């Protein structure tokens, strides 16, 4: 199973939706639309709190290449 990381490439706010899209191998726009629809259907404020918690918990991917000094 692939680990969830925030995306460095497909990000609008924090990269959480982009990271989910990369993990599931789907278009990030689809994930963002699902998030917006769920947020409007369940209540915007609780969903924003959940997104902020995900932003805090989900790590950024580690650098795989480092420059030699």
N, C-alpha and C. Protein backbone atom coordinates (compact mmCIF):
# COMPACT_ATOMS: atom_id res chain seq x y z
N UNK A 1 0.84 -1.18 0.00
CA UNK A 1 0.00 0.00 0.00
C UNK A 1 0.88 1.24 0.00
N UNK A 2 0.51 2.19 -0.81
CA UNK A 2 1.28 3.42 -0.94
C UNK A 2 0.95 4.37 0.20
N UNK A 3 1.94 5.09 0.70
CA UNK A 3 1.75 6.01 1.80
C UNK A 3 1.28 7.37 1.28
N UNK A 4 0.44 8.02 2.08
CA UNK A 4 -0.11 9.32 1.70
C UNK A 4 0.86 10.42 2.08
N UNK A 5 1.20 11.25 1.10
CA UNK A 5 2.01 12.45 1.30
C UNK A 5 1.29 13.62 0.67
N UNK A 6 1.54 14.82 1.18
CA UNK A 6 1.03 16.01 0.52
C UNK A 6 1.82 16.21 -0.77
N UNK A 7 1.16 16.68 -1.79
CA UNK A 7 1.80 16.85 -3.09
C UNK A 7 2.59 18.15 -3.15
N UNK A 8 3.75 18.07 -3.75
CA UNK A 8 4.54 19.28 -4.01
C UNK A 8 4.17 19.89 -5.37
N UNK A 9 3.61 19.08 -6.26
CA UNK A 9 3.32 19.53 -7.62
C UNK A 9 1.85 19.94 -7.77
N UNK A 10 0.93 19.06 -7.36
CA UNK A 10 -0.51 19.29 -7.53
C UNK A 10 -1.11 19.88 -6.28
N UNK A 11 -0.79 21.13 -6.00
CA UNK A 11 -1.34 21.74 -4.79
C UNK A 11 -1.93 23.10 -5.10
N UNK A 12 -3.03 23.38 -4.43
CA UNK A 12 -3.67 24.69 -4.52
C UNK A 12 -3.53 25.40 -3.18
N UNK A 13 -3.80 24.68 -2.08
CA UNK A 13 -3.67 25.27 -0.76
C UNK A 13 -2.52 24.60 0.00
N UNK A 14 -2.69 23.33 0.32
CA UNK A 14 -1.67 22.64 1.10
C UNK A 14 -1.17 21.35 0.46
N UNK A 15 -1.79 20.93 -0.63
CA UNK A 15 -1.36 19.71 -1.30
C UNK A 15 -2.03 18.45 -0.80
N UNK A 16 -3.03 18.56 0.08
CA UNK A 16 -3.69 17.38 0.62
C UNK A 16 -4.48 16.67 -0.48
N UNK A 17 -5.31 17.39 -1.21
CA UNK A 17 -6.10 16.78 -2.29
C UNK A 17 -5.19 16.25 -3.41
N UNK A 18 -4.14 16.98 -3.72
CA UNK A 18 -3.18 16.52 -4.72
C UNK A 18 -2.48 15.24 -4.28
N UNK A 19 -2.17 15.15 -3.00
CA UNK A 19 -1.55 13.93 -2.47
C UNK A 19 -2.48 12.74 -2.53
N UNK A 20 -3.76 12.96 -2.21
CA UNK A 20 -4.74 11.88 -2.31
C UNK A 20 -4.88 11.45 -3.77
N UNK A 21 -4.91 12.39 -4.68
CA UNK A 21 -5.02 12.07 -6.10
C UNK A 21 -3.81 11.28 -6.60
N UNK A 22 -2.61 11.68 -6.17
CA UNK A 22 -1.41 10.95 -6.58
C UNK A 22 -1.41 9.54 -6.01
N UNK A 23 -1.87 9.38 -4.76
CA UNK A 23 -1.90 8.07 -4.14
C UNK A 23 -2.91 7.15 -4.85
N UNK A 24 -4.05 7.72 -5.26
CA UNK A 24 -5.10 6.93 -5.90
C UNK A 24 -4.95 6.88 -7.41
N UNK A 25 -3.98 7.60 -7.95
CA UNK A 25 -3.70 7.66 -9.38
C UNK A 25 -4.91 8.16 -10.18
N UNK A 26 -5.49 9.28 -9.72
CA UNK A 26 -6.60 9.93 -10.40
C UNK A 26 -6.27 11.41 -10.61
N UNK A 27 -7.09 12.07 -11.39
CA UNK A 27 -6.89 13.49 -11.66
C UNK A 27 -7.17 14.31 -10.39
N UNK A 28 -6.28 15.21 -10.01
CA UNK A 28 -6.49 16.02 -8.81
C UNK A 28 -7.76 16.87 -8.85
N UNK A 29 -8.20 17.26 -10.04
CA UNK A 29 -9.42 18.06 -10.16
C UNK A 29 -10.63 17.27 -9.67
N UNK A 30 -10.66 15.99 -9.95
CA UNK A 30 -11.78 15.14 -9.49
C UNK A 30 -11.80 15.08 -7.98
N UNK A 31 -10.64 14.91 -7.36
CA UNK A 31 -10.57 14.86 -5.89
C UNK A 31 -11.01 16.19 -5.31
N UNK A 32 -10.58 17.29 -5.89
CA UNK A 32 -10.97 18.61 -5.38
C UNK A 32 -12.48 18.83 -5.49
N UNK A 33 -13.08 18.39 -6.62
CA UNK A 33 -14.53 18.53 -6.78
C UNK A 33 -15.28 17.69 -5.75
N UNK A 34 -14.81 16.47 -5.49
CA UNK A 34 -15.44 15.62 -4.48
C UNK A 34 -15.34 16.28 -3.11
N UNK A 35 -14.19 16.86 -2.80
CA UNK A 35 -14.00 17.53 -1.51
C UNK A 35 -14.94 18.73 -1.37
N UNK A 36 -15.10 19.51 -2.41
CA UNK A 36 -15.99 20.67 -2.36
C UNK A 36 -17.44 20.22 -2.18
N UNK A 37 -17.87 19.21 -2.93
CA UNK A 37 -19.25 18.72 -2.81
C UNK A 37 -19.49 18.16 -1.42
N UNK A 38 -18.57 17.36 -0.90
CA UNK A 38 -18.72 16.82 0.46
C UNK A 38 -18.73 17.94 1.50
N UNK A 39 -17.89 18.94 1.30
CA UNK A 39 -17.85 20.06 2.23
C UNK A 39 -19.15 20.83 2.25
N UNK A 40 -19.74 21.06 1.10
CA UNK A 40 -21.01 21.78 1.04
C UNK A 40 -22.16 20.92 1.58
N UNK A 41 -22.09 19.61 1.38
CA UNK A 41 -23.16 18.72 1.82
C UNK A 41 -23.12 18.48 3.33
N UNK A 42 -21.95 18.47 3.92
CA UNK A 42 -21.83 18.14 5.35
C UNK A 42 -21.64 19.36 6.24
N UNK A 43 -21.37 20.47 5.68
CA UNK A 43 -21.13 21.68 6.47
C UNK A 43 -19.72 22.16 6.24
N UNK A 44 -19.59 23.40 5.87
CA UNK A 44 -18.29 23.95 5.48
C UNK A 44 -17.31 24.04 6.65
N UNK A 45 -17.78 24.52 7.80
CA UNK A 45 -16.87 24.72 8.92
C UNK A 45 -16.22 23.43 9.42
N UNK A 46 -17.01 22.35 9.68
CA UNK A 46 -16.36 21.10 10.13
C UNK A 46 -15.41 20.53 9.08
N UNK A 47 -15.76 20.69 7.82
CA UNK A 47 -14.90 20.17 6.76
C UNK A 47 -13.60 20.96 6.68
N UNK A 48 -13.66 22.26 6.89
CA UNK A 48 -12.44 23.07 6.91
C UNK A 48 -11.54 22.69 8.08
N UNK A 49 -12.13 22.41 9.22
CA UNK A 49 -11.35 21.96 10.38
C UNK A 49 -10.66 20.64 10.05
N UNK A 50 -11.38 19.71 9.40
CA UNK A 50 -10.79 18.44 9.00
C UNK A 50 -9.64 18.62 8.02
N UNK A 51 -9.80 19.56 7.07
CA UNK A 51 -8.73 19.83 6.11
C UNK A 51 -7.50 20.41 6.82
N UNK A 52 -7.72 21.31 7.75
CA UNK A 52 -6.59 21.88 8.50
C UNK A 52 -5.86 20.81 9.31
N UNK A 53 -6.61 19.89 9.89
CA UNK A 53 -5.98 18.79 10.63
C UNK A 53 -5.19 17.90 9.68
N UNK A 54 -5.75 17.61 8.50
CA UNK A 54 -5.02 16.80 7.51
C UNK A 54 -3.75 17.52 7.06
N UNK A 55 -3.82 18.84 6.89
CA UNK A 55 -2.66 19.65 6.51
C UNK A 55 -1.56 19.49 7.56
N UNK A 56 -1.94 19.45 8.80
CA UNK A 56 -0.98 19.35 9.91
C UNK A 56 -0.41 17.94 10.04
N UNK A 57 -1.23 16.91 9.80
CA UNK A 57 -0.81 15.52 10.05
C UNK A 57 -0.10 14.88 8.86
N UNK A 58 -0.60 15.09 7.64
CA UNK A 58 -0.04 14.42 6.46
C UNK A 58 1.32 15.05 6.14
N UNK A 59 2.37 14.22 6.07
CA UNK A 59 3.71 14.78 5.85
C UNK A 59 3.99 15.10 4.38
N UNK A 60 4.97 15.96 4.17
CA UNK A 60 5.50 16.21 2.83
C UNK A 60 6.45 15.07 2.49
N UNK A 61 6.59 14.72 1.23
CA UNK A 61 7.55 13.65 0.88
C UNK A 61 8.98 14.11 1.14
N UNK A 62 9.81 13.16 1.50
CA UNK A 62 11.22 13.48 1.73
C UNK A 62 11.91 13.70 0.40
N UNK A 63 12.94 14.51 0.44
CA UNK A 63 13.75 14.74 -0.77
C UNK A 63 14.49 13.45 -1.11
N UNK A 64 14.40 13.02 -2.38
CA UNK A 64 15.09 11.80 -2.77
C UNK A 64 16.47 12.07 -3.32
N UNK A 65 16.70 13.27 -3.76
CA UNK A 65 18.03 13.61 -4.28
C UNK A 65 18.56 14.83 -3.53
N UNK A 66 19.80 14.77 -3.20
CA UNK A 66 20.44 15.88 -2.50
C UNK A 66 21.64 16.35 -3.33
N UNK A 67 21.90 17.62 -3.28
CA UNK A 67 23.03 18.14 -4.01
C UNK A 67 24.30 17.95 -3.20
N UNK A 68 25.37 17.60 -3.89
CA UNK A 68 26.66 17.41 -3.22
C UNK A 68 27.29 18.76 -2.93
N UNK A 69 27.80 18.92 -1.76
CA UNK A 69 28.42 20.20 -1.38
C UNK A 69 29.91 20.15 -1.56
